[in-house]
């Protein structure tokens, strides 16, 4: 299943979605979520992410492979 995600403006309680030409489905599910509230990341979280990025850029070989991380996490459960 392929999902199409778009942010569209609502005007007079309506909106229009244009699908790609190769879209062939005859029935779709539409889920409408309010996106007026932008997602906010705390300053503390931004600082932590920046620290981790800086550490990674200094030592990219020390990064844990994501699959290895999941295996380790599963082993701890």
PDB file of N, CA and C in Angstrom:
ATOM      1  N   UNK A   1       0.846  -1.172   0.000  1.00  0.00           N
ATOM      2  CA  UNK A   1       0.000   0.000   0.000  1.00  0.00           C
ATOM      3  C   UNK A   1       0.890   1.233   0.000  1.00  0.00           C
ATOM      4  N   UNK A   2       0.614   2.150  -0.872  1.00  0.00           N
ATOM      5  CA  UNK A   2       1.322   3.423  -0.921  1.00  0.00           C
ATOM      6  C   UNK A   2       0.423   4.500  -0.341  1.00  0.00           C
ATOM      7  N   UNK A   3       1.004   5.340   0.467  1.00  0.00           N
ATOM      8  CA  UNK A   3       0.242   6.440   1.056  1.00  0.00           C
ATOM      9  C   UNK A   3       0.638   7.744   0.381  1.00  0.00           C
ATOM     10  N   UNK A   4      -0.306   8.612   0.246  1.00  0.00           N
ATOM     11  CA  UNK A   4      -0.057   9.951  -0.273  1.00  0.00           C
ATOM     12  C   UNK A   4      -0.351  10.907   0.869  1.00  0.00           C
ATOM     13  N   UNK A   5       0.627  11.716   1.198  1.00  0.00           N
ATOM     14  CA  UNK A   5       0.437  12.676   2.279  1.00  0.00           C
ATOM     15  C   UNK A   5       0.581  14.068   1.695  1.00  0.00           C
ATOM     16  N   UNK A   6      -0.422  14.885   1.932  1.00  0.00           N
ATOM     17  CA  UNK A   6      -0.397  16.252   1.446  1.00  0.00           C
ATOM     18  C   UNK A   6      -0.918  17.168   2.537  1.00  0.00           C
ATOM     19  N   UNK A   7      -0.409  18.368   2.567  1.00  0.00           N
ATOM     20  CA  UNK A   7      -0.962  19.399   3.430  1.00  0.00           C
ATOM     21  C   UNK A   7      -1.689  20.367   2.501  1.00  0.00           C
ATOM     22  N   UNK A   8      -2.973  20.539   2.728  1.00  0.00           N
ATOM     23  CA  UNK A   8      -3.784  21.392   1.857  1.00  0.00           C
ATOM     24  C   UNK A   8      -4.495  22.440   2.695  1.00  0.00           C
ATOM     25  N   UNK A   9      -4.819  23.536   2.056  1.00  0.00           N
ATOM     26  CA  UNK A   9      -5.542  24.610   2.730  1.00  0.00           C
ATOM     27  C   UNK A   9      -7.036  24.396   2.569  1.00  0.00           C
ATOM     28  N   UNK A  10      -7.762  24.654   3.637  1.00  0.00           N
ATOM     29  CA  UNK A  10      -9.219  24.550   3.628  1.00  0.00           C
ATOM     30  C   UNK A  10      -9.778  25.945   3.409  1.00  0.00           C
ATOM     31  N   UNK A  11     -10.685  26.052   2.457  1.00  0.00           N
ATOM     32  CA  UNK A  11     -11.334  27.332   2.190  1.00  0.00           C
ATOM     33  C   UNK A  11     -12.833  27.089   2.083  1.00  0.00           C
ATOM     34  N   UNK A  12     -13.598  27.822   2.856  1.00  0.00           N
ATOM     35  CA  UNK A  12     -15.054  27.655   2.887  1.00  0.00           C
ATOM     36  C   UNK A  12     -15.445  26.208   3.166  1.00  0.00           C
ATOM     37  N   UNK A  13     -14.732  25.589   4.118  1.00  0.00           N
ATOM     38  CA  UNK A  13     -14.992  24.210   4.545  1.00  0.00           C
ATOM     39  C   UNK A  13     -14.840  23.171   3.446  1.00  0.00           C
ATOM     40  N   UNK A  14     -14.020  23.454   2.419  1.00  0.00           N
ATOM     41  CA  UNK A  14     -13.751  22.467   1.370  1.00  0.00           C
ATOM     42  C   UNK A  14     -12.260  22.487   1.027  1.00  0.00           C
ATOM     43  N   UNK A  15     -11.822  21.421   0.403  1.00  0.00           N
ATOM     44  CA  UNK A  15     -10.461  21.351  -0.121  1.00  0.00           C
ATOM     45  C   UNK A  15     -10.458  20.387  -1.292  1.00  0.00           C
ATOM     46  N   UNK A  16      -9.382  20.436  -2.075  1.00  0.00           N
ATOM     47  CA  UNK A  16      -9.278  19.583  -3.255  1.00  0.00           C
ATOM     48  C   UNK A  16      -7.943  18.844  -3.211  1.00  0.00           C
ATOM     49  N   UNK A  17      -7.989  17.564  -3.532  1.00  0.00           N
ATOM     50  CA  UNK A  17      -6.791  16.736  -3.604  1.00  0.00           C
ATOM     51  C   UNK A  17      -6.631  16.276  -5.045  1.00  0.00           C
ATOM     52  N   UNK A  18      -5.471  16.506  -5.620  1.00  0.00           N
ATOM     53  CA  UNK A  18      -5.183  16.018  -6.962  1.00  0.00           C
ATOM     54  C   UNK A  18      -4.281  14.800  -6.827  1.00  0.00           C
ATOM     55  N   UNK A  19      -4.723  13.689  -7.364  1.00  0.00           N
ATOM     56  CA  UNK A  19      -3.975  12.436  -7.260  1.00  0.00           C
ATOM     57  C   UNK A  19      -3.024  12.282  -8.441  1.00  0.00           C
ATOM     58  N   UNK A  20      -1.936  11.532  -8.263  1.00  0.00           N
ATOM     59  CA  UNK A  20      -1.015  11.298  -9.372  1.00  0.00           C
ATOM     60  C   UNK A  20      -1.719  10.573 -10.525  1.00  0.00           C
ATOM     61  N   UNK A  21      -1.226  10.775 -11.737  1.00  0.00           N
ATOM     62  CA  UNK A  21      -1.852  10.152 -12.900  1.00  0.00           C
ATOM     63  C   UNK A  21      -1.868   8.636 -12.814  1.00  0.00           C
ATOM     64  N   UNK A  22      -0.859   8.047 -12.191  1.00  0.00           N
ATOM     65  CA  UNK A  22      -0.784   6.585 -12.104  1.00  0.00           C
ATOM     66  C   UNK A  22      -1.577   6.006 -10.931  1.00  0.00           C
ATOM     67  N   UNK A  23      -2.335   6.825 -10.243  1.00  0.00           N
ATOM     68  CA  UNK A  23      -3.146   6.347  -9.116  1.00  0.00           C
ATOM     69  C   UNK A  23      -4.365   5.619  -9.676  1.00  0.00           C
ATOM     70  N   UNK A  24      -4.509   4.335  -9.323  1.00  0.00           N
ATOM     71  CA  UNK A  24      -5.555   3.515  -9.944  1.00  0.00           C
ATOM     72  C   UNK A  24      -6.637   3.030  -8.987  1.00  0.00           C
ATOM     73  N   UNK A  25      -6.510   3.325  -7.704  1.00  0.00           N
ATOM     74  CA  UNK A  25      -7.506   2.819  -6.743  1.00  0.00           C
ATOM     75  C   UNK A  25      -8.880   3.396  -7.034  1.00  0.00           C
ATOM     76  N   UNK A  26      -9.885   2.576  -6.833  1.00  0.00           N
ATOM     77  CA  UNK A  26     -11.269   3.010  -7.041  1.00  0.00           C
ATOM     78  C   UNK A  26     -11.929   3.443  -5.738  1.00  0.00           C
ATOM     79  N   UNK A  27     -11.307   3.099  -4.615  1.00  0.00           N
ATOM     80  CA  UNK A  27     -11.846   3.465  -3.303  1.00  0.00           C
ATOM     81  C   UNK A  27     -10.663   3.833  -2.419  1.00  0.00           C
ATOM     82  N   UNK A  28     -10.795   4.893  -1.627  1.00  0.00           N
ATOM     83  CA  UNK A  28      -9.716   5.335  -0.748  1.00  0.00           C
ATOM     84  C   UNK A  28     -10.257   5.640   0.641  1.00  0.00           C
ATOM     85  N   UNK A  29      -9.383   5.654   1.591  1.00  0.00           N
ATOM     86  CA  UNK A  29      -9.718   6.074   2.945  1.00  0.00           C
ATOM     87  C   UNK A  29      -9.117   7.450   3.150  1.00  0.00           C
ATOM     88  N   UNK A  30      -9.892   8.370   3.643  1.00  0.00           N
ATOM     89  CA  UNK A  30      -9.427   9.726   3.886  1.00  0.00           C
ATOM     90  C   UNK A  30      -9.464   9.979   5.385  1.00  0.00           C
ATOM     91  N   UNK A  31      -8.342  10.397   5.931  1.00  0.00           N
ATOM     92  CA  UNK A  31      -8.255  10.741   7.347  1.00  0.00           C
ATOM     93  C   UNK A  31      -7.866  12.212   7.409  1.00  0.00           C
ATOM     94  N   UNK A  32      -8.654  13.003   8.089  1.00  0.00           N
ATOM     95  CA  UNK A  32      -8.401  14.438   8.145  1.00  0.00           C
ATOM     96  C   UNK A  32      -7.928  14.790   9.555  1.00  0.00           C
ATOM     97  N   UNK A  33      -6.730  15.378   9.625  1.00  0.00           N
ATOM     98  CA  UNK A  33      -6.152  15.806  10.887  1.00  0.00           C
ATOM     99  C   UNK A  33      -5.867  17.292  10.820  1.00  0.00           C
ATOM    100  N   UNK A  34      -6.094  17.974  11.894  1.00  0.00           N
ATOM    101  CA  UNK A  34      -5.798  19.392  11.968  1.00  0.00           C
ATOM    102  C   UNK A  34      -4.285  19.575  12.018  1.00  0.00           C
ATOM    103  N   UNK A  35      -3.740  20.360  11.119  1.00  0.00           N
ATOM    104  CA  UNK A  35      -2.291  20.596  11.136  1.00  0.00           C
ATOM    105  C   UNK A  35      -1.965  22.057  11.434  1.00  0.00           C
ATOM    106  N   UNK A  36      -2.914  22.777  11.987  1.00  0.00           N
ATOM    107  CA  UNK A  36      -2.660  24.176  12.338  1.00  0.00           C
ATOM    108  C   UNK A  36      -1.630  24.298  13.449  1.00  0.00           C
ATOM    109  N   UNK A  37      -1.611  23.334  14.352  1.00  0.00           N
ATOM    110  CA  UNK A  37      -0.653  23.370  15.457  1.00  0.00           C
ATOM    111  C   UNK A  37       0.639  22.718  15.005  1.00  0.00           C
ATOM    112  N   UNK A  38       1.650  23.529  14.750  1.00  0.00           N
ATOM    113  CA  UNK A  38       2.937  22.999  14.331  1.00  0.00           C
ATOM    114  C   UNK A  38       3.558  22.216  15.476  1.00  0.00           C
ATOM    115  N   UNK A  39       4.186  21.117  15.109  1.00  0.00           N
ATOM    116  CA  UNK A  39       4.871  20.281  16.088  1.00  0.00           C
ATOM    117  C   UNK A  39       6.051  21.058  16.657  1.00  0.00           C
ATOM    118  N   UNK A  40       6.186  21.081  17.956  1.00  0.00           N
ATOM    119  CA  UNK A  40       7.252  21.828  18.613  1.00  0.00           C
ATOM    120  C   UNK A  40       8.196  20.865  19.321  1.00  0.00           C
ATOM    121  N   UNK A  41       9.476  21.080  19.162  1.00  0.00           N
ATOM    122  CA  UNK A  41      10.486  20.306  19.873  1.00  0.00           C
ATOM    123  C   UNK A  41      11.099  21.221  20.924  1.00  0.00           C
ATOM    124  N   UNK A  42      11.217  20.706  22.127  1.00  0.00           N
ATOM    125  CA  UNK A  42      11.759  21.531  23.213  1.00  0.00           C
ATOM    126  C   UNK A  42      13.223  21.876  22.940  1.00  0.00           C
ATOM    127  N   UNK A  43      13.672  22.942  23.548  1.00  0.00           N
ATOM    128  CA  UNK A  43      15.067  23.364  23.419  1.00  0.00           C
ATOM    129  C   UNK A  43      15.998  22.277  23.947  1.00  0.00           C
ATOM    130  N   UNK A  44      15.597  21.633  25.023  1.00  0.00           N
ATOM    131  CA  UNK A  44      16.404  20.553  25.600  1.00  0.00           C
ATOM    132  C   UNK A  44      16.579  19.414  24.591  1.00  0.00           C
ATOM    133  N   UNK A  45      15.504  19.045  23.913  1.00  0.00           N
ATOM    134  CA  UNK A  45      15.571  17.978  22.916  1.00  0.00           C
ATOM    135  C   UNK A  45      16.415  18.404  21.720  1.00  0.00           C
ATOM    136  N   UNK A  46      16.258  19.634  21.274  1.00  0.00           N
ATOM    137  CA  UNK A  46      17.080  20.137  20.164  1.00  0.00           C
ATOM    138  C   UNK A  46      18.564  20.096  20.528  1.00  0.00           C
ATOM    139  N   UNK A  47      18.883  20.498  21.758  1.00  0.00           N
ATOM    140  CA  UNK A  47      20.281  20.479  22.196  1.00  0.00           C
ATOM    141  C   UNK A  47      20.833  19.057  22.222  1.00  0.00           C
ATOM    142  N   UNK A  48      20.038  18.118  22.710  1.00  0.00           N
ATOM    143  CA  UNK A  48      20.460  16.724  22.755  1.00  0.00           C
ATOM    144  C   UNK A  48      20.703  16.185  21.346  1.00  0.00           C
ATOM    145  N   UNK A  49      19.808  16.488  20.425  1.00  0.00           N
ATOM    146  CA  UNK A  49      19.964  16.044  19.040  1.00  0.00           C
ATOM    147  C   UNK A  49      21.224  16.651  18.429  1.00  0.00           C
ATOM    148  N   UNK A  50      21.454  17.923  18.678  1.00  0.00           N
ATOM    149  CA  UNK A  50      22.656  18.573  18.145  1.00  0.00           C
ATOM    150  C   UNK A  50      23.931  17.967  18.727  1.00  0.00           C
ATOM    151  N   UNK A  51      23.919  17.643  20.013  1.00  0.00           N
ATOM    152  CA  UNK A  51      25.075  16.993  20.634  1.00  0.00           C
ATOM    153  C   UNK A  51      25.343  15.644  19.988  1.00  0.00           C
ATOM    154  N   UNK A  52      24.288  14.869  19.793  1.00  0.00           N
ATOM    155  CA  UNK A  52      24.450  13.544  19.188  1.00  0.00           C
ATOM    156  C   UNK A  52      24.929  13.644  17.744  1.00  0.00           C
ATOM    157  N   UNK A  53      24.421  14.631  17.025  1.00  0.00           N
ATOM    158  CA  UNK A  53      24.865  14.830  15.642  1.00  0.00           C
ATOM    159  C   UNK A  53      26.335  15.204  15.607  1.00  0.00           C
ATOM    160  N   UNK A  54      26.742  16.099  16.487  1.00  0.00           N
ATOM    161  CA  UNK A  54      28.141  16.505  16.553  1.00  0.00           C
ATOM    162  C   UNK A  54      29.033  15.311  16.875  1.00  0.00           C
ATOM    163  N   UNK A  55      28.615  14.494  17.853  1.00  0.00           N
ATOM    164  CA  UNK A  55      29.381  13.288  18.200  1.00  0.00           C
ATOM    165  C   UNK A  55      29.480  12.347  17.008  1.00  0.00           C
ATOM    166  N   UNK A  56      28.384  12.173  16.303  1.00  0.00           N
ATOM    167  CA  UNK A  56      28.379  11.285  15.142  1.00  0.00           C
ATOM    168  C   UNK A  56      29.324  11.806  14.061  1.00  0.00           C
ATOM    169  N   UNK A  57      29.257  13.108  13.770  1.00  0.00           N
ATOM    170  CA  UNK A  57      30.102  13.673  12.724  1.00  0.00           C
ATOM    171  C   UNK A  57      31.589  13.562  13.072  1.00  0.00           C
ATOM    172  N   UNK A  58      31.912  13.604  14.362  1.00  0.00           N
ATOM    173  CA  UNK A  58      33.302  13.449  14.785  1.00  0.00           C
ATOM    174  C   UNK A  58      33.759  11.994  14.692  1.00  0.00           C
ATOM    175  N   UNK A  59      32.857  11.059  14.949  1.00  0.00           N
ATOM    176  CA  UNK A  59      33.203   9.632  14.999  1.00  0.00           C
ATOM    177  C   UNK A  59      32.121   8.775  14.342  1.00  0.00           C
ATOM    178  N   UNK A  60      31.918   8.886  13.032  1.00  0.00           N
ATOM    179  CA  UNK A  60      30.828   8.127  12.387  1.00  0.00           C
ATOM    180  C   UNK A  60      30.991   6.611  12.503  1.00  0.00           C
ATOM    181  N   UNK A  61      32.237   6.132  12.668  1.00  0.00           N
ATOM    182  CA  UNK A  61      32.451   4.683  12.782  1.00  0.00           C
ATOM    183  C   UNK A  61      31.959   4.129  14.112  1.00  0.00           C
ATOM    184  N   UNK A  62      31.735   4.991  15.079  1.00  0.00           N
ATOM    185  CA  UNK A  62      31.260   4.542  16.392  1.00  0.00           C
ATOM    186  C   UNK A  62      29.742   4.411  16.460  1.00  0.00           C
ATOM    187  N   UNK A  63      29.046   4.804  15.406  1.00  0.00           N
ATOM    188  CA  UNK A  63      27.585   4.745  15.414  1.00  0.00           C
ATOM    189  C   UNK A  63      27.114   3.295  15.411  1.00  0.00           C
ATOM    190  N   UNK A  64      26.071   3.026  16.147  1.00  0.00           N
ATOM    191  CA  UNK A  64      25.493   1.689  16.199  1.00  0.00           C
ATOM    192  C   UNK A  64      24.566   1.482  15.012  1.00  0.00           C
ATOM    193  N   UNK A  65      24.736   0.356  14.343  1.00  0.00           N
ATOM    194  CA  UNK A  65      23.824  -0.007  13.260  1.00  0.00           C
ATOM    195  C   UNK A  65      22.423  -0.157  13.840  1.00  0.00           C
ATOM    196  N   UNK A  66      21.415   0.334  13.137  1.00  0.00           N
ATOM    197  CA  UNK A  66      20.053   0.324  13.661  1.00  0.00           C
ATOM    198  C   UNK A  66      19.570  -1.098  13.950  1.00  0.00           C
ATOM    199  N   UNK A  67      19.858  -2.039  13.051  1.00  0.00           N
ATOM    200  CA  UNK A  67      19.430  -3.428  13.275  1.00  0.00           C
ATOM    201  C   UNK A  67      20.122  -4.026  14.500  1.00  0.00           C
ATOM    202  N   UNK A  68      21.407  -3.701  14.678  1.00  0.00           N
ATOM    203  CA  UNK A  68      22.118  -4.172  15.873  1.00  0.00           C
ATOM    204  C   UNK A  68      21.499  -3.585  17.129  1.00  0.00           C
ATOM    205  N   UNK A  69      21.140  -2.305  17.058  1.00  0.00           N
ATOM    206  CA  UNK A  69      20.508  -1.647  18.198  1.00  0.00           C
ATOM    207  C   UNK A  69      19.202  -2.358  18.569  1.00  0.00           C
ATOM    208  N   UNK A  70      18.390  -2.676  17.561  1.00  0.00           N
ATOM    209  CA  UNK A  70      17.122  -3.369  17.827  1.00  0.00           C
ATOM    210  C   UNK A  70      17.366  -4.745  18.428  1.00  0.00           C
ATOM    211  N   UNK A  71      18.375  -5.456  17.943  1.00  0.00           N
ATOM    212  CA  UNK A  71      18.703  -6.771  18.502  1.00  0.00           C
ATOM    213  C   UNK A  71      19.108  -6.648  19.969  1.00  0.00           C
ATOM    214  N   UNK A  72      19.936  -5.629  20.266  1.00  0.00           N
ATOM    215  CA  UNK A  72      20.351  -5.413  21.656  1.00  0.00           C
ATOM    216  C   UNK A  72      19.161  -5.045  22.533  1.00  0.00           C
ATOM    217  N   UNK A  73      18.316  -4.211  22.018  1.00  0.00           N
ATOM    218  CA  UNK A  73      17.135  -3.806  22.771  1.00  0.00           C
ATOM    219  C   UNK A  73      16.232  -4.988  23.039  1.00  0.00           C
ATOM    220  N   UNK A  74      16.039  -5.816  22.040  1.00  0.00           N
ATOM    221  CA  UNK A  74      15.203  -7.008  22.212  1.00  0.00           C
ATOM    222  C   UNK A  74      15.822  -7.952  23.239  1.00  0.00           C
ATOM    223  N   UNK A  75      17.145  -8.054  23.227  1.00  0.00           N
ATOM    224  CA  UNK A  75      17.814  -8.908  24.191  1.00  0.00           C
ATOM    225  C   UNK A  75      17.650  -8.431  25.623  1.00  0.00           C
ATOM    226  N   UNK A  76      17.474  -7.130  25.793  1.00  0.00           N
ATOM    227  CA  UNK A  76      17.302  -6.568  27.132  1.00  0.00           C
ATOM    228  C   UNK A  76      15.880  -6.757  27.668  1.00  0.00           C
ATOM    229  N   UNK A  77      14.943  -7.075  26.801  1.00  0.00           N
ATOM    230  CA  UNK A  77      13.549  -7.210  27.253  1.00  0.00           C
ATOM    231  C   UNK A  77      13.281  -8.487  27.979  1.00  0.00           C
TER     232      UNK A  77
END
